[in-house]
C-alpha atoms as a PDB file:
ATOM      1  CA  MET A   1      90.484  42.710 207.495  1.00  0.00           C
ATOM      2  CA  ILE A   2      87.318  44.756 208.048  1.00  0.00           C
ATOM      3  CA  LYS A   3      87.476  48.537 208.222  1.00  0.00           C
ATOM      4  CA  LEU A   4      84.999  51.113 209.389  1.00  0.00           C
ATOM      5  CA  VAL A   5      85.604  54.154 207.187  1.00  0.00           C
ATOM      6  CA  GLU A   6      84.309  57.539 208.305  1.00  0.00           C
ATOM      7  CA  CYS A   7      84.470  60.435 205.834  1.00  0.00           C
ATOM      8  CA  LEU A   8      84.324  63.416 208.153  1.00  0.00           C
ATOM      9  CA  ARG A   9      83.182  67.012 207.927  1.00  0.00           C
ATOM     10  CA  ARG A  10      83.681  69.542 210.680  1.00  0.00           C
ATOM     11  CA  LEU A  11      81.078  71.634 212.417  1.00  0.00           C
ATOM     12  CA  PRO A  12      80.662  74.957 210.556  1.00  0.00           C
ATOM     13  CA  ARG A  13      81.876  76.958 213.582  1.00  0.00           C
ATOM     14  CA  LEU A  14      85.310  75.309 213.414  1.00  0.00           C
ATOM     15  CA  SER A  15      88.116  76.189 211.043  1.00  0.00           C
ATOM     16  CA  HIS A  16      89.772  73.305 209.233  1.00  0.00           C
ATOM     17  CA  GLN A  17      92.829  73.634 211.490  1.00  0.00           C
ATOM     18  CA  GLU A  18      90.722  73.761 214.671  1.00  0.00           C
ATOM     19  CA  PHE A  19      88.966  70.598 213.516  1.00  0.00           C
ATOM     20  CA  LEU A  20      92.260  68.799 212.796  1.00  0.00           C
ATOM     21  CA  ASP A  21      93.788  69.889 216.106  1.00  0.00           C
ATOM     22  CA  TYR A  22      90.805  68.692 218.147  1.00  0.00           C
ATOM     23  CA  TRP A  23      90.494  65.439 216.227  1.00  0.00           C
ATOM     24  CA  HIS A  24      94.212  64.655 216.616  1.00  0.00           C
ATOM     25  CA  ASP A  25      94.911  66.004 220.113  1.00  0.00           C
ATOM     26  CA  VAL A  26      91.651  65.249 221.962  1.00  0.00           C
ATOM     27  CA  HIS A  27      89.502  62.729 220.104  1.00  0.00           C
ATOM     28  CA  GLY A  28      92.341  60.549 218.834  1.00  0.00           C
ATOM     29  CA  PRO A  29      93.720  59.772 222.309  1.00  0.00           C
ATOM     30  CA  LEU A  30      90.160  59.074 223.496  1.00  0.00           C
ATOM     31  CA  VAL A  31      89.660  56.523 220.709  1.00  0.00           C
ATOM     32  CA  VAL A  32      92.993  54.883 221.512  1.00  0.00           C
ATOM     33  CA  SER A  33      92.089  54.687 225.217  1.00  0.00           C
ATOM     34  CA  LEU A  34      88.848  52.850 224.337  1.00  0.00           C
ATOM     35  CA  ALA A  35      90.285  50.545 221.655  1.00  0.00           C
ATOM     36  CA  LYS A  36      90.347  47.427 223.810  1.00  0.00           C
ATOM     37  CA  ASP A  37      86.707  47.843 224.913  1.00  0.00           C
ATOM     38  CA  LEU A  38      85.694  48.317 221.267  1.00  0.00           C
ATOM     39  CA  ARG A  39      87.750  45.326 220.043  1.00  0.00           C
ATOM     40  CA  MET A  40      89.400  47.520 217.454  1.00  0.00           C
ATOM     41  CA  GLY A  41      92.781  46.955 215.968  1.00  0.00           C
ATOM     42  CA  ARG A  42      94.388  49.804 214.089  1.00  0.00           C
ATOM     43  CA  TYR A  43      93.052  53.371 214.122  1.00  0.00           C
ATOM     44  CA  VAL A  44      94.218  55.803 211.442  1.00  0.00           C
ATOM     45  CA  GLN A  45      93.378  59.475 210.930  1.00  0.00           C
ATOM     46  CA  CYS A  46      93.810  60.778 207.372  1.00  0.00           C
ATOM     47  CA  HIS A  47      93.882  64.581 207.611  1.00  0.00           C
ATOM     48  CA  GLY A  48      92.696  66.531 204.583  1.00  0.00           C
ATOM     49  CA  ILE A  49      95.265  68.916 203.133  1.00  0.00           C
ATOM     50  CA  ALA A  50      94.925  71.857 200.769  1.00  0.00           C
ATOM     51  CA  HIS A  51      96.650  71.610 197.423  1.00  0.00           C
ATOM     52  CA  PRO A  52      96.040  73.620 194.219  1.00  0.00           C
ATOM     53  CA  VAL A  53      95.546  70.509 192.092  1.00  0.00           C
ATOM     54  CA  HIS A  54      92.704  69.363 194.333  1.00  0.00           C
ATOM     55  CA  GLU A  55      90.212  71.853 192.899  1.00  0.00           C
ATOM     56  CA  VAL A  56      91.204  70.879 189.336  1.00  0.00           C
ATOM     57  CA  ILE A  57      90.542  67.210 190.108  1.00  0.00           C
ATOM     58  CA  ARG A  58      87.299  67.992 191.939  1.00  0.00           C
ATOM     59  CA  LYS A  59      85.964  70.040 189.012  1.00  0.00           C
ATOM     60  CA  SER A  60      87.039  67.485 186.410  1.00  0.00           C
ATOM     61  CA  HIS A  61      85.068  64.821 188.302  1.00  0.00           C
ATOM     62  CA  ASN A  62      82.174  67.136 189.167  1.00  0.00           C
ATOM     63  CA  SER A  63      82.501  65.965 192.776  1.00  0.00           C
ATOM     64  CA  LEU A  64      81.311  67.406 196.055  1.00  0.00           C
ATOM     65  CA  GLU A  65      83.440  69.546 198.360  1.00  0.00           C
ATOM     66  CA  PRO A  66      86.207  67.582 200.067  1.00  0.00           C
ATOM     67  CA  PHE A  67      85.924  65.949 203.434  1.00  0.00           C
ATOM     68  CA  ASP A  68      88.028  67.372 206.249  1.00  0.00           C
ATOM     69  CA  GLY A  69      89.430  63.952 206.957  1.00  0.00           C
ATOM     70  CA  VAL A  70      88.888  60.219 206.908  1.00  0.00           C
ATOM     71  CA  ALA A  71      89.063  57.904 209.909  1.00  0.00           C
ATOM     72  CA  GLU A  72      89.840  54.223 209.482  1.00  0.00           C
ATOM     73  CA  VAL A  73      89.003  51.832 212.291  1.00  0.00           C
ATOM     74  CA  TRP A  74      90.374  48.347 211.644  1.00  0.00           C
ATOM     75  CA  PHE A  75      88.915  45.131 212.998  1.00  0.00           C
ATOM     76  CA  PRO A  76      90.669  41.769 212.617  1.00  0.00           C
ATOM     77  CA  SER A  77      87.434  40.029 211.565  1.00  0.00           C
ATOM     78  CA  ARG A  78      83.682  40.442 211.161  1.00  0.00           C
ATOM     79  CA  GLU A  79      83.262  38.560 214.415  1.00  0.00           C
ATOM     80  CA  ALA A  80      85.338  41.151 216.265  1.00  0.00           C
ATOM     81  CA  MET A  81      83.340  44.013 214.746  1.00  0.00           C
ATOM     82  CA  GLU A  82      79.792  42.705 215.068  1.00  0.00           C
ATOM     83  CA  PRO A  83      79.213  42.824 218.849  1.00  0.00           C
ATOM     84  CA  THR A  84      80.019  46.537 219.070  1.00  0.00           C
ATOM     85  CA  TYR A  85      77.141  47.218 221.496  1.00  0.00           C
ATOM     86  CA  SER A  86      76.919  43.799 223.162  1.00  0.00           C
ATOM     87  CA  THR A  87      78.658  44.513 226.481  1.00  0.00           C
ATOM     88  CA  PRO A  88      78.312  47.324 229.006  1.00  0.00           C
ATOM     89  CA  ALA A  89      81.950  48.324 228.367  1.00  0.00           C
ATOM     90  CA  MET A  90      81.302  48.599 224.611  1.00  0.00           C
ATOM     91  CA  ARG A  91      78.130  50.611 225.105  1.00  0.00           C
ATOM     92  CA  GLU A  92      79.913  52.986 227.488  1.00  0.00           C
ATOM     93  CA  ALA A  93      82.877  53.379 225.118  1.00  0.00           C
ATOM     94  CA  ASN A  94      80.552  54.176 222.218  1.00  0.00           C
ATOM     95  CA  ARG A  95      78.621  56.651 224.386  1.00  0.00           C
ATOM     96  CA  LYS A  96      81.860  58.476 225.220  1.00  0.00           C
ATOM     97  CA  LEU A  97      82.853  58.606 221.549  1.00  0.00           C
ATOM     98  CA  ARG A  98      79.465  59.929 220.388  1.00  0.00           C
ATOM     99  CA  GLU A  99      79.495  62.575 223.122  1.00  0.00           C
ATOM    100  CA  ASP A 100      82.939  63.787 222.088  1.00  0.00           C
ATOM    101  CA  GLU A 101      82.173  63.645 218.355  1.00  0.00           C
ATOM    102  CA  ALA A 102      79.295  66.092 218.897  1.00  0.00           C
ATOM    103  CA  ARG A 103      81.949  68.688 219.777  1.00  0.00           C
ATOM    104  CA  PHE A 104      83.594  68.702 216.350  1.00  0.00           C
ATOM    105  CA  LEU A 105      81.760  66.576 213.742  1.00  0.00           C
ATOM    106  CA  ASP A 106      78.861  67.611 211.520  1.00  0.00           C
ATOM    107  CA  TRP A 107      77.412  64.082 211.377  1.00  0.00           C
ATOM    108  CA  PRO A 108      74.600  64.820 208.889  1.00  0.00           C
ATOM    109  CA  ARG A 109      77.327  65.746 206.366  1.00  0.00           C
ATOM    110  CA  CYS A 110      79.594  62.778 207.116  1.00  0.00           C
ATOM    111  CA  VAL A 111      79.602  59.353 205.473  1.00  0.00           C
ATOM    112  CA  VAL A 112      80.221  56.090 207.328  1.00  0.00           C
ATOM    113  CA  PHE A 113      80.558  52.601 205.869  1.00  0.00           C
ATOM    114  CA  PHE A 114      82.284  49.253 206.383  1.00  0.00           C
ATOM    115  CA  THR A 115      84.766  47.856 203.909  1.00  0.00           C
ATOM    116  CA  GLU A 116      86.587  44.627 203.363  1.00  0.00           C
ATOM    117  CA  GLU A 117      90.128  45.326 202.308  1.00  0.00           C
ATOM    118  CA  ARG A 118      91.472  43.687 199.166  1.00  0.00           C
ATOM    119  CA  VAL A 119      95.084  44.594 198.554  1.00  0.00           C
ATOM    120  CA  MET A 120      95.805  45.101 194.854  1.00  0.00           C
ATOM    121  CA  ARG A 121      99.401  46.254 195.237  1.00  0.00           C
ATOM    122  CA  PRO A 122     101.195  45.676 198.529  1.00  0.00           C
END
């Protein structure tokens, strides 16, 4: 299983809740509608939540401010993931996603990477 992991930060003009609402209610359904064209399997949104212990952990690790959320896009194989821009339908789907993401994501402050999942405890 290959995953595209996107650690997301919102545009400064949006509150955390506005970001979560847009991501869930507008962008999420758009991603789902384009899943077949993008050859993606599962799509998961992990919404950041506030909790008092978070700041304690952050300070003890000397880490950066938290992300607003994490998106996981699952692909069944490397072969399914690799041709992401190889067909007109894929290019158009990616264009639509990038256009929408400009409405709520602060891309220069986000992190994107691919992972290969290795389950340690099912």
